[in-house]
Amino acid sequence: MYRQGDVLLKPHPIPIDSKKVIEQPIVLAWGEITGHKHQIEEKATELLEYEGVRYLRVPTEGAKLKHEEHGTIALAPGEYRIVTQREYTPKAIVNVLD
């Protein structure tokens, strides 16, 4: 399991019917205030989605999760569910602003 700021990657099998999201580099979360981003640049890494939930498939050579204000995290090969931290406000539950 990996956490970088408001992004959490939990080991989780990817559902068979997931659809590949074409995005390079892969951006897991944007900082709405700072413009910084949690991203992966390795082209062999895949971003997938199933029923509104996003997943990450990291190849055998691994990948690096980068962010301008956090240290780079080396990701082990495997399948992960992407969880973005959320917070409660009186009007709604919203994603945390970075």
N, C-alpha and C. Protein backbone atom coordinates (compact mmCIF):
# COMPACT_ATOMS: atom_id res chain seq x y z
N MET A 1 0.85 -1.16 0.00
CA MET A 1 0.00 0.00 0.00
C MET A 1 0.90 1.24 0.00
N TYR A 2 0.51 2.24 -0.78
CA TYR A 2 1.31 3.46 -0.89
C TYR A 2 0.41 4.68 -0.70
N ARG A 3 0.93 5.70 -0.02
CA ARG A 3 0.23 6.97 0.10
C ARG A 3 1.19 8.09 -0.26
N GLN A 4 0.68 9.02 -1.08
CA GLN A 4 1.43 10.21 -1.42
C GLN A 4 0.43 11.36 -1.36
N GLY A 5 0.50 12.15 -0.28
CA GLY A 5 -0.45 13.24 -0.11
C GLY A 5 -1.86 12.68 -0.02
N ASP A 6 -2.76 13.16 -0.89
CA ASP A 6 -4.16 12.73 -0.84
C ASP A 6 -4.46 11.55 -1.76
N VAL A 7 -3.42 10.87 -2.26
CA VAL A 7 -3.60 9.69 -3.11
C VAL A 7 -3.14 8.44 -2.37
N LEU A 8 -4.00 7.41 -2.39
CA LEU A 8 -3.69 6.13 -1.77
C LEU A 8 -3.79 5.05 -2.84
N LEU A 9 -2.79 4.18 -2.92
CA LEU A 9 -2.82 3.03 -3.83
C LEU A 9 -2.88 1.78 -2.97
N LYS A 10 -3.98 1.03 -3.12
CA LYS A 10 -4.20 -0.19 -2.34
C LYS A 10 -4.09 -1.39 -3.27
N PRO A 11 -3.32 -2.41 -2.90
CA PRO A 11 -3.28 -3.62 -3.74
C PRO A 11 -4.71 -4.16 -3.91
N HIS A 12 -5.09 -4.40 -5.15
CA HIS A 12 -6.46 -4.83 -5.43
C HIS A 12 -6.51 -5.41 -6.84
N PRO A 13 -7.14 -6.56 -7.03
CA PRO A 13 -7.25 -7.10 -8.40
C PRO A 13 -8.12 -6.19 -9.26
N ILE A 14 -7.74 -6.03 -10.50
CA ILE A 14 -8.49 -5.19 -11.43
C ILE A 14 -9.62 -6.02 -12.04
N PRO A 15 -10.86 -5.51 -11.99
CA PRO A 15 -11.98 -6.25 -12.59
C PRO A 15 -11.74 -6.53 -14.08
N ILE A 16 -12.18 -7.68 -14.52
CA ILE A 16 -11.95 -8.12 -15.91
C ILE A 16 -12.53 -7.15 -16.94
N ASP A 17 -13.69 -6.56 -16.66
CA ASP A 17 -14.35 -5.68 -17.62
C ASP A 17 -13.86 -4.23 -17.58
N SER A 18 -12.74 -3.97 -16.90
CA SER A 18 -12.21 -2.60 -16.83
C SER A 18 -11.79 -2.11 -18.21
N LYS A 19 -11.94 -0.82 -18.42
CA LYS A 19 -11.56 -0.18 -19.68
C LYS A 19 -10.29 0.61 -19.48
N LYS A 20 -9.37 0.48 -20.42
CA LYS A 20 -8.11 1.21 -20.35
C LYS A 20 -8.36 2.68 -20.64
N VAL A 21 -7.75 3.55 -19.83
CA VAL A 21 -7.81 4.99 -20.02
C VAL A 21 -6.50 5.41 -20.66
N ILE A 22 -6.58 6.02 -21.84
CA ILE A 22 -5.37 6.44 -22.55
C ILE A 22 -4.97 7.81 -22.02
N GLU A 23 -3.89 7.83 -21.28
CA GLU A 23 -3.40 9.07 -20.69
C GLU A 23 -1.91 8.93 -20.43
N GLN A 24 -1.10 9.80 -21.01
CA GLN A 24 0.34 9.80 -20.77
C GLN A 24 0.83 11.23 -20.61
N PRO A 25 1.50 11.59 -19.53
CA PRO A 25 1.70 10.72 -18.38
C PRO A 25 0.38 10.46 -17.66
N ILE A 26 0.37 9.45 -16.82
CA ILE A 26 -0.81 9.14 -16.02
C ILE A 26 -0.85 10.09 -14.84
N VAL A 27 -1.93 10.85 -14.72
CA VAL A 27 -2.10 11.78 -13.60
C VAL A 27 -3.17 11.21 -12.67
N LEU A 28 -2.76 10.89 -11.44
CA LEU A 28 -3.69 10.31 -10.48
C LEU A 28 -4.50 11.38 -9.75
N ALA A 29 -3.93 12.58 -9.58
CA ALA A 29 -4.64 13.68 -8.93
C ALA A 29 -3.93 14.98 -9.26
N TRP A 30 -4.73 16.04 -9.42
CA TRP A 30 -4.22 17.39 -9.68
C TRP A 30 -4.40 18.24 -8.44
N GLY A 31 -3.47 19.12 -8.16
CA GLY A 31 -3.64 20.11 -7.10
C GLY A 31 -4.37 21.30 -7.69
N GLU A 32 -5.64 21.47 -7.32
CA GLU A 32 -6.45 22.54 -7.89
C GLU A 32 -5.90 23.92 -7.57
N ILE A 33 -5.27 24.05 -6.42
CA ILE A 33 -4.74 25.34 -6.00
C ILE A 33 -3.32 25.57 -6.53
N THR A 34 -2.45 24.55 -6.40
CA THR A 34 -1.04 24.71 -6.77
C THR A 34 -0.73 24.32 -8.21
N GLY A 35 -1.58 23.49 -8.82
CA GLY A 35 -1.30 22.98 -10.16
C GLY A 35 -0.36 21.80 -10.17
N HIS A 36 0.11 21.37 -8.98
CA HIS A 36 0.98 20.21 -8.89
C HIS A 36 0.17 18.95 -9.16
N LYS A 37 0.86 17.87 -9.52
CA LYS A 37 0.14 16.65 -9.84
C LYS A 37 0.88 15.41 -9.36
N HIS A 38 0.11 14.38 -9.04
CA HIS A 38 0.63 13.07 -8.70
C HIS A 38 0.62 12.30 -10.01
N GLN A 39 1.80 11.98 -10.54
CA GLN A 39 1.84 11.39 -11.88
C GLN A 39 2.86 10.27 -12.02
N ILE A 40 2.61 9.44 -13.04
CA ILE A 40 3.48 8.33 -13.39
C ILE A 40 3.82 8.49 -14.87
N GLU A 41 5.10 8.47 -15.21
CA GLU A 41 5.53 8.71 -16.59
C GLU A 41 5.87 7.45 -17.36
N GLU A 42 6.09 6.31 -16.67
CA GLU A 42 6.46 5.07 -17.36
C GLU A 42 5.32 4.62 -18.28
N LYS A 43 5.62 4.49 -19.56
CA LYS A 43 4.60 4.18 -20.57
C LYS A 43 3.99 2.79 -20.42
N ALA A 44 4.68 1.85 -19.82
CA ALA A 44 4.14 0.50 -19.68
C ALA A 44 3.09 0.40 -18.56
N THR A 45 3.00 1.42 -17.71
CA THR A 45 2.00 1.43 -16.65
C THR A 45 0.64 1.74 -17.26
N GLU A 46 -0.41 1.06 -16.78
CA GLU A 46 -1.75 1.24 -17.34
C GLU A 46 -2.72 1.80 -16.30
N LEU A 47 -3.54 2.74 -16.74
CA LEU A 47 -4.63 3.29 -15.94
C LEU A 47 -5.91 2.69 -16.50
N LEU A 48 -6.73 2.10 -15.62
CA LEU A 48 -7.97 1.47 -16.04
C LEU A 48 -9.12 1.99 -15.17
N GLU A 49 -10.35 1.82 -15.68
CA GLU A 49 -11.51 2.26 -14.93
C GLU A 49 -12.64 1.24 -15.06
N TYR A 50 -13.35 1.04 -13.94
CA TYR A 50 -14.51 0.15 -13.93
C TYR A 50 -15.55 0.73 -12.98
N GLU A 51 -16.72 1.05 -13.52
CA GLU A 51 -17.83 1.59 -12.75
C GLU A 51 -17.41 2.79 -11.89
N GLY A 52 -16.65 3.70 -12.47
CA GLY A 52 -16.24 4.92 -11.78
C GLY A 52 -15.06 4.78 -10.85
N VAL A 53 -14.52 3.58 -10.72
CA VAL A 53 -13.36 3.34 -9.86
C VAL A 53 -12.14 3.19 -10.75
N ARG A 54 -11.04 3.86 -10.37
CA ARG A 54 -9.83 3.79 -11.18
C ARG A 54 -8.83 2.80 -10.57
N TYR A 55 -8.10 2.14 -11.47
CA TYR A 55 -7.11 1.13 -11.09
C TYR A 55 -5.80 1.40 -11.83
N LEU A 56 -4.72 0.87 -11.26
CA LEU A 56 -3.40 1.04 -11.85
C LEU A 56 -2.75 -0.32 -11.98
N ARG A 57 -2.23 -0.62 -13.17
CA ARG A 57 -1.46 -1.86 -13.38
C ARG A 57 0.00 -1.45 -13.58
N VAL A 58 0.84 -1.84 -12.63
CA VAL A 58 2.27 -1.50 -12.67
C VAL A 58 3.01 -2.71 -13.25
N PRO A 59 3.81 -2.51 -14.31
CA PRO A 59 4.51 -3.62 -14.97
C PRO A 59 5.63 -4.19 -14.11
N THR A 60 6.20 -5.29 -14.59
CA THR A 60 7.24 -6.00 -13.83
C THR A 60 8.46 -5.13 -13.50
N GLU A 61 8.72 -4.12 -14.32
CA GLU A 61 9.88 -3.25 -14.02
C GLU A 61 9.55 -2.17 -13.00
N GLY A 62 8.29 -2.11 -12.54
CA GLY A 62 7.90 -1.11 -11.55
C GLY A 62 7.63 0.24 -12.19
N ALA A 63 7.33 1.22 -11.35
CA ALA A 63 7.06 2.59 -11.82
C ALA A 63 7.35 3.55 -10.68
N LYS A 64 7.37 4.84 -11.00
CA LYS A 64 7.63 5.87 -9.99
C LYS A 64 6.47 6.84 -9.94
N LEU A 65 5.94 7.06 -8.74
CA LEU A 65 4.88 8.04 -8.51
C LEU A 65 5.57 9.33 -8.07
N LYS A 66 5.40 10.38 -8.88
CA LYS A 66 6.10 11.64 -8.64
C LYS A 66 5.13 12.76 -8.28
N HIS A 67 5.63 13.73 -7.51
CA HIS A 67 4.89 14.93 -7.15
C HIS A 67 5.91 16.00 -6.81
N GLU A 68 5.58 17.23 -7.15
CA GLU A 68 6.53 18.33 -6.96
C GLU A 68 6.86 18.60 -5.49
N GLU A 69 5.95 18.32 -4.56
CA GLU A 69 6.18 18.63 -3.14
C GLU A 69 6.41 17.40 -2.27
N HIS A 70 6.21 16.21 -2.82
CA HIS A 70 6.40 14.98 -2.06
C HIS A 70 7.57 14.20 -2.67
N GLY A 71 8.15 13.32 -1.89
CA GLY A 71 9.22 12.49 -2.42
C GLY A 71 8.67 11.49 -3.43
N THR A 72 9.50 11.10 -4.38
CA THR A 72 9.12 10.09 -5.37
C THR A 72 8.99 8.74 -4.68
N ILE A 73 7.96 7.99 -5.07
CA ILE A 73 7.72 6.66 -4.50
C ILE A 73 7.91 5.62 -5.59
N ALA A 74 8.76 4.63 -5.32
CA ALA A 74 8.95 3.52 -6.25
C ALA A 74 7.83 2.51 -6.00
N LEU A 75 7.03 2.24 -7.05
CA LEU A 75 5.91 1.31 -6.95
C LEU A 75 6.33 -0.08 -7.40
N ALA A 76 5.98 -1.07 -6.61
CA ALA A 76 6.26 -2.47 -6.97
C ALA A 76 5.28 -2.92 -8.04
N PRO A 77 5.66 -3.89 -8.85
CA PRO A 77 4.75 -4.42 -9.85
C PRO A 77 3.47 -4.95 -9.18
N GLY A 78 2.34 -4.80 -9.88
CA GLY A 78 1.10 -5.32 -9.34
C GLY A 78 -0.10 -4.50 -9.79
N GLU A 79 -1.24 -4.80 -9.18
CA GLU A 79 -2.49 -4.12 -9.50
C GLU A 79 -2.97 -3.38 -8.26
N TYR A 80 -3.43 -2.15 -8.46
CA TYR A 80 -3.81 -1.28 -7.35
C TYR A 80 -5.12 -0.57 -7.64
N ARG A 81 -5.88 -0.33 -6.58
CA ARG A 81 -7.05 0.53 -6.66
C ARG A 81 -6.59 1.92 -6.24
N ILE A 82 -7.02 2.95 -6.98
CA ILE A 82 -6.64 4.32 -6.68
C ILE A 82 -7.73 4.95 -5.83
N VAL A 83 -7.35 5.45 -4.66
CA VAL A 83 -8.30 6.10 -3.76
C VAL A 83 -7.81 7.53 -3.54
N THR A 84 -8.69 8.50 -3.79
CA THR A 84 -8.35 9.91 -3.56
C THR A 84 -9.06 10.34 -2.29
N GLN A 85 -8.31 10.94 -1.36
CA GLN A 85 -8.89 11.37 -0.09
C GLN A 85 -10.02 12.35 -0.32
N ARG A 86 -11.07 12.20 0.49
CA ARG A 86 -12.24 13.07 0.39
C ARG A 86 -12.50 13.70 1.75
N GLU A 87 -13.26 14.79 1.75
CA GLU A 87 -13.61 15.43 3.00
C GLU A 87 -15.08 15.83 3.00
N TYR A 88 -15.63 15.94 4.19
CA TYR A 88 -17.03 16.31 4.32
C TYR A 88 -17.14 17.83 4.42
N THR A 89 -18.09 18.39 3.71
CA THR A 89 -18.48 19.79 3.87
C THR A 89 -19.99 19.77 4.09
N PRO A 90 -20.58 20.81 4.66
CA PRO A 90 -22.03 20.79 4.89
C PRO A 90 -22.86 20.57 3.62
N LYS A 91 -22.33 20.94 2.46
CA LYS A 91 -23.09 20.79 1.21
C LYS A 91 -22.88 19.44 0.54
N ALA A 92 -21.68 18.86 0.69
CA ALA A 92 -21.39 17.61 -0.03
C ALA A 92 -20.07 17.02 0.45
N ILE A 93 -19.83 15.77 0.05
CA ILE A 93 -18.52 15.16 0.26
C ILE A 93 -17.72 15.45 -0.99
N VAL A 94 -16.54 16.04 -0.83
CA VAL A 94 -15.75 16.49 -1.98
C VAL A 94 -14.33 15.96 -1.87
N ASN A 95 -13.61 15.97 -3.00
CA ASN A 95 -12.20 15.61 -3.01
C ASN A 95 -11.42 16.68 -2.26
N VAL A 96 -10.37 16.26 -1.58
CA VAL A 96 -9.52 17.20 -0.86
C VAL A 96 -8.79 18.06 -1.87
N LEU A 97 -8.71 19.37 -1.61
CA LEU A 97 -7.95 20.28 -2.48
C LEU A 97 -6.51 20.27 -2.03
N ASP A 98 -5.58 20.06 -2.96
CA ASP A 98 -4.17 19.98 -2.67
C ASP A 98 -3.56 21.37 -2.76
